[in-house]
Amino acid sequence: MNLSYTLESGRRATLRLTAAASLLASLVAAPLGASAQPVGTELPPAQVAALKQKLGSRLQGLSALEGVRTTPIPGLLEVRVAGHILYTDPNGEYLIDGQMIETRTQRNLTEERVDEINKIDFATLPLKDAVVWKTGTGKRRLVVFSDPNCGYCKRLERTFNNMKDITVYTFMIGILGEDSKKKADTIWCMKDRTQAWRDWMLNDESPFRLMGMCGGTPLQRNMALAQRLRVNGTPAMFFEDGTRLASAAPQDVIEKRLAKAAAARP
């Protein structure tokens, strides 16, 4: 497997599997000394700063390093960058971009950590700025950021249409251009914005053009919220347990995430 990064010079650099293999070989060969720190121990600020300076000077984007901590593999460190997880050695000579799997339990430790560091407080979301659609009891709630011109969002909307007892809060954002922003504003200003949204997303029925705006829409607030939550594409779903799913996932995956969120309720 090859991994590409942009160097400060602007050239593309490739981290080959041999580099990862070299790092893992050095870790396996290293003796397990008594000084090994417990799993999940945050490194001291000085050590984090040194790694940040070294990695940032070599690989563009890694200067935004947010934290470093130990992992279950002695000598292998977890690096957090903009909501993502990477792995490095204590000297920052190697970098691994991949999944850490615990073979005994088959848990994806990387995925769990990404969920943990990107978790939000669902109760603080400004749901008044969302288009609301409900089916059945609506007891299972989720939030989705969608662009009106996003094909994957339309696919997800059809998936929602087949699900029972859910409430979907849709924050409309316009990341695909000016037409998306105009459609979002127009849909929001319709008398029945929920029906207008679903007519467009499910049946491609364009909302009526308005002669004037309706006195303000939440589009800019939604865009700012998406930026704060690191929503870099659509669709992006958030569940009541604070976890996210940044894809148009199939129904069975969404059902599992809703069940997991329900089980986490106090």
Protein backbone atom coordinates (compact mmCIF):
# COMPACT_ATOMS: atom_id res chain seq x y z
CA MET A 1 0.00 0.00 0.00
CA ASN A 2 1.26 3.50 -0.85
CA LEU A 3 0.29 6.69 0.96
CA SER A 4 0.76 10.12 -0.58
CA TYR A 5 1.46 13.39 1.20
CA THR A 6 2.30 16.91 0.04
CA LEU A 7 5.67 18.21 1.14
CA GLU A 8 6.32 21.85 1.97
CA SER A 9 8.00 22.18 -1.42
CA GLY A 10 4.73 21.31 -3.08
CA ARG A 11 5.98 17.94 -4.35
CA ARG A 12 3.98 14.80 -3.69
CA ALA A 13 5.71 12.24 -1.48
CA THR A 14 4.78 8.60 -1.14
CA LEU A 15 5.10 6.57 2.04
CA ARG A 16 5.54 3.01 0.90
CA LEU A 17 4.62 -0.10 2.81
CA THR A 18 8.32 -0.77 3.36
CA ALA A 19 8.51 2.33 5.55
CA ALA A 20 5.64 1.09 7.69
CA ALA A 21 7.27 -2.33 7.81
CA SER A 22 10.54 -0.77 8.98
CA LEU A 23 8.74 1.01 11.79
CA LEU A 24 6.88 -2.10 12.90
CA ALA A 25 10.06 -4.16 12.73
CA SER A 26 11.86 -1.69 14.97
CA LEU A 27 9.00 -1.79 17.45
CA VAL A 28 8.94 -5.58 17.57
CA ALA A 29 12.72 -5.70 18.04
CA ALA A 30 12.68 -3.14 20.84
CA PRO A 31 12.71 -4.57 24.38
CA LEU A 32 9.63 -3.94 26.50
CA GLY A 33 11.20 -1.83 29.20
CA ALA A 34 9.65 -0.98 32.54
CA SER A 35 9.39 2.63 31.42
CA ALA A 36 6.59 1.87 28.94
CA GLN A 37 3.63 4.14 29.63
CA PRO A 38 0.03 2.92 30.05
CA VAL A 39 -2.18 2.80 26.95
CA GLY A 40 -3.88 6.12 26.31
CA THR A 41 -1.31 8.26 28.14
CA GLU A 42 -1.05 11.75 26.65
CA LEU A 43 2.52 12.79 25.92
CA PRO A 44 3.97 15.83 27.75
CA PRO A 45 3.57 19.17 25.91
CA ALA A 46 7.29 19.42 25.20
CA GLN A 47 7.37 16.05 23.46
CA VAL A 48 4.21 16.86 21.50
CA ALA A 49 5.73 20.18 20.42
CA ALA A 50 8.90 18.43 19.22
CA LEU A 51 6.92 15.93 17.16
CA LYS A 52 4.70 18.68 15.80
CA GLN A 53 7.72 20.69 14.69
CA LYS A 54 9.42 17.70 13.07
CA LEU A 55 6.40 16.21 11.31
CA GLY A 56 5.09 19.63 10.30
CA SER A 57 8.39 20.58 8.72
CA ARG A 58 8.43 17.40 6.67
CA LEU A 59 4.79 16.85 5.74
CA GLN A 60 2.37 19.64 4.95
CA GLY A 61 -0.77 19.52 7.09
CA LEU A 62 0.84 17.85 10.08
CA SER A 63 1.68 21.19 11.65
CA ALA A 64 -1.98 21.12 12.75
CA LEU A 65 -1.17 18.22 15.08
CA GLU A 66 -3.57 18.37 18.06
CA GLY A 67 -2.28 15.69 20.41
CA VAL A 68 -0.22 12.53 20.81
CA ARG A 69 -0.78 9.53 23.07
CA THR A 70 0.37 5.96 23.55
CA THR A 71 -1.29 2.94 21.92
CA PRO A 72 -1.54 -0.76 22.75
CA ILE A 73 1.59 -1.34 20.63
CA PRO A 74 4.65 -0.33 22.69
CA GLY A 75 6.54 2.50 21.03
CA LEU A 76 3.79 3.28 18.52
CA LEU A 77 2.13 6.64 19.11
CA GLU A 78 -1.28 7.92 18.09
CA VAL A 79 -1.25 11.32 16.37
CA ARG A 80 -4.45 13.37 16.12
CA VAL A 81 -4.76 15.79 13.21
CA ALA A 82 -8.01 17.60 12.32
CA GLY A 83 -10.20 14.78 13.56
CA HIS A 84 -8.10 12.05 11.95
CA ILE A 85 -5.84 9.41 13.51
CA LEU A 86 -2.31 8.60 12.29
CA TYR A 87 0.50 6.64 13.94
CA THR A 88 4.19 7.45 14.35
CA ASP A 89 7.29 6.46 16.29
CA PRO A 90 8.63 8.58 19.20
CA ASN A 91 11.15 10.26 16.89
CA GLY A 92 8.69 11.09 14.10
CA GLU A 93 10.74 9.26 11.50
CA TYR A 94 7.85 7.21 10.15
CA LEU A 95 4.12 7.76 9.69
CA ILE A 96 1.36 5.16 9.27
CA ASP A 97 -2.09 5.99 7.95
CA GLY A 98 -4.27 2.93 8.55
CA GLN A 99 -6.50 0.92 10.86
CA MET A 100 -5.43 -0.67 14.13
CA ILE A 101 -7.40 -3.88 14.72
CA GLU A 102 -7.41 -5.79 18.01
CA THR A 103 -7.33 -9.37 16.71
CA ARG A 104 -8.70 -11.00 19.86
CA THR A 105 -11.93 -9.00 19.84
CA GLN A 106 -11.82 -7.87 16.16
CA ARG A 107 -12.41 -4.30 17.39
CA ASN A 108 -11.33 -1.52 15.08
CA LEU A 109 -9.46 0.63 17.61
CA THR A 110 -8.77 3.38 15.09
CA GLU A 111 -12.45 3.72 14.19
CA GLU A 112 -13.39 3.81 17.88
CA ARG A 113 -10.88 6.59 18.54
CA VAL A 114 -12.06 8.64 15.56
CA ASP A 115 -15.63 8.35 16.90
CA GLU A 116 -14.43 9.38 20.35
CA ILE A 117 -12.43 12.46 19.36
CA ASN A 118 -15.12 13.67 16.94
CA LYS A 119 -18.04 13.12 19.30
CA ILE A 120 -20.45 16.04 19.66
CA ASP A 121 -23.13 17.04 22.14
CA PHE A 122 -26.32 16.26 20.20
CA ALA A 123 -28.43 18.26 22.67
CA THR A 124 -26.63 21.49 21.74
CA LEU A 125 -27.43 21.33 18.02
CA PRO A 126 -29.69 24.22 16.89
CA LEU A 127 -32.49 21.99 15.58
CA LYS A 128 -34.67 25.03 14.88
CA ASP A 129 -32.47 25.61 11.82
CA ALA A 130 -33.19 22.16 10.40
CA VAL A 131 -35.86 20.78 8.10
CA VAL A 132 -37.70 18.15 10.16
CA TRP A 133 -39.20 14.94 8.83
CA LYS A 134 -40.76 12.24 10.97
CA THR A 135 -42.16 8.77 10.44
CA GLY A 136 -44.08 6.66 12.97
CA THR A 137 -43.21 7.45 16.57
CA GLY A 138 -40.11 9.37 15.52
CA LYS A 139 -38.39 8.17 18.70
CA ARG A 140 -35.08 7.47 16.93
CA ARG A 141 -33.46 10.78 16.05
CA LEU A 142 -30.58 11.73 13.79
CA VAL A 143 -29.17 14.81 12.13
CA VAL A 144 -27.90 15.02 8.56
CA PHE A 145 -26.06 17.78 6.73
CA SER A 146 -27.18 17.76 3.09
CA ASP A 147 -26.66 19.78 -0.07
CA PRO A 148 -29.75 19.97 -2.34
CA ASN A 149 -27.63 19.08 -5.38
CA CYS A 150 -25.78 16.18 -3.74
CA GLY A 151 -26.57 12.87 -5.45
CA TYR A 152 -25.48 10.82 -2.44
CA CYS A 153 -27.78 12.93 -0.25
CA LYS A 154 -30.70 12.06 -2.52
CA ARG A 155 -29.79 8.39 -2.23
CA LEU A 156 -29.71 8.72 1.56
CA GLU A 157 -33.10 10.45 1.54
CA ARG A 158 -34.56 7.42 -0.26
CA THR A 159 -33.04 5.21 2.42
CA PHE A 160 -34.69 7.30 5.14
CA ASN A 161 -37.98 6.91 3.29
CA ASN A 162 -37.85 3.14 3.94
CA MET A 163 -37.14 3.42 7.67
CA LYS A 164 -39.61 3.39 10.55
CA ASP A 165 -39.97 5.48 13.70
CA ILE A 166 -37.28 8.03 12.90
CA THR A 167 -37.03 11.80 13.08
CA VAL A 168 -34.57 13.30 10.62
CA TYR A 169 -33.27 16.84 11.17
CA THR A 170 -31.71 18.11 7.94
CA PHE A 171 -29.33 21.05 8.03
CA MET A 172 -29.27 22.30 4.45
CA ILE A 173 -25.89 23.61 3.34
CA GLY A 174 -24.66 24.83 -0.04
CA ILE A 175 -21.18 23.45 -0.63
CA LEU A 176 -21.68 22.55 -4.29
CA GLY A 177 -22.15 26.07 -5.61
CA GLU A 178 -24.51 29.01 -5.82
CA ASP A 179 -27.40 26.96 -7.20
CA SER A 180 -27.32 24.80 -4.06
CA LYS A 181 -27.52 27.91 -1.88
CA LYS A 182 -30.45 29.29 -3.89
CA LYS A 183 -32.32 25.98 -3.68
CA ALA A 184 -31.72 25.73 0.08
CA ASP A 185 -32.98 29.27 0.66
CA THR A 186 -36.03 28.71 -1.56
CA ILE A 187 -36.95 25.42 0.12
CA TRP A 188 -36.63 27.00 3.56
CA CYS A 189 -39.00 29.79 2.58
CA MET A 190 -41.73 27.47 1.31
CA LYS A 191 -44.91 27.20 3.36
CA ASP A 192 -44.26 23.48 3.86
CA ARG A 193 -40.47 23.30 3.74
CA THR A 194 -40.41 19.62 4.70
CA GLN A 195 -42.61 18.68 1.76
CA ALA A 196 -40.64 20.95 -0.57
CA TRP A 197 -37.37 19.34 0.53
CA ARG A 198 -38.65 15.81 0.05
CA ASP A 199 -40.32 16.61 -3.26
CA TRP A 200 -36.99 17.84 -4.56
CA MET A 201 -34.78 15.14 -3.05
CA LEU A 202 -37.07 12.18 -3.85
CA ASN A 203 -38.82 13.28 -7.04
CA ASP A 204 -36.68 16.10 -8.49
CA GLU A 205 -39.62 18.47 -8.24
CA SER A 206 -38.05 21.93 -8.17
CA PRO A 207 -39.35 24.34 -5.51
CA PHE A 208 -41.22 27.38 -6.77
CA ARG A 209 -39.09 30.47 -7.29
CA LEU A 210 -39.87 33.22 -4.83
CA MET A 211 -40.14 36.85 -5.84
CA GLY A 212 -38.40 37.88 -2.61
CA MET A 213 -36.79 36.20 0.36
CA CYS A 214 -38.81 35.30 3.42
CA GLY A 215 -36.93 37.42 5.92
CA GLY A 216 -33.84 35.33 6.54
CA THR A 217 -32.80 31.70 6.22
CA PRO A 218 -30.42 29.65 8.38
CA LEU A 219 -28.09 28.79 5.50
CA GLN A 220 -25.13 30.85 6.74
CA ARG A 221 -25.58 29.57 10.29
CA ASN A 222 -25.73 26.01 8.98
CA MET A 223 -22.57 26.53 6.95
CA ALA A 224 -20.77 27.89 10.02
CA LEU A 225 -22.03 24.98 12.12
CA ALA A 226 -20.82 22.48 9.53
CA GLN A 227 -17.39 24.09 9.59
CA ARG A 228 -17.20 23.92 13.39
CA LEU A 229 -18.17 20.24 13.30
CA ARG A 230 -15.61 19.51 10.56
CA VAL A 231 -18.22 18.49 8.04
CA ASN A 232 -16.15 18.37 4.86
CA GLY A 233 -18.67 16.73 2.57
CA THR A 234 -22.29 15.66 2.26
CA PRO A 235 -24.11 13.76 3.47
CA ALA A 236 -22.84 13.72 7.05
CA MET A 237 -24.96 12.11 9.77
CA PHE A 238 -24.87 12.60 13.54
CA PHE A 239 -26.59 10.33 16.08
CA GLU A 240 -27.90 10.98 19.57
CA ASP A 241 -24.83 9.42 21.18
CA GLY A 242 -22.74 12.14 19.50
CA THR A 243 -21.11 9.89 16.89
CA ARG A 244 -21.03 10.66 13.20
CA LEU A 245 -21.19 8.80 9.90
CA ALA A 246 -19.78 10.71 6.94
CA SER A 247 -21.32 8.77 4.08
CA ALA A 248 -24.56 7.70 2.44
CA ALA A 249 -24.55 4.43 4.35
CA PRO A 250 -26.94 1.54 3.62
CA GLN A 251 -30.00 1.12 5.80
CA ASP A 252 -28.63 -1.76 7.90
CA VAL A 253 -25.61 0.34 8.92
CA ILE A 254 -27.81 3.28 9.91
CA GLU A 255 -30.12 0.96 11.85
CA LYS A 256 -27.15 -0.37 13.83
CA ARG A 257 -25.93 3.13 14.63
CA LEU A 258 -29.41 4.18 15.76
CA ALA A 259 -29.63 1.11 17.99
CA LYS A 260 -26.21 1.85 19.46
CA ALA A 261 -27.23 5.46 20.16
CA ALA A 262 -30.47 4.32 21.80
CA ALA A 263 -28.56 1.91 24.04
CA ALA A 264 -26.32 4.77 25.19
CA ARG A 265 -29.22 6.87 26.47
CA PRO A 266 -29.20 7.41 30.25
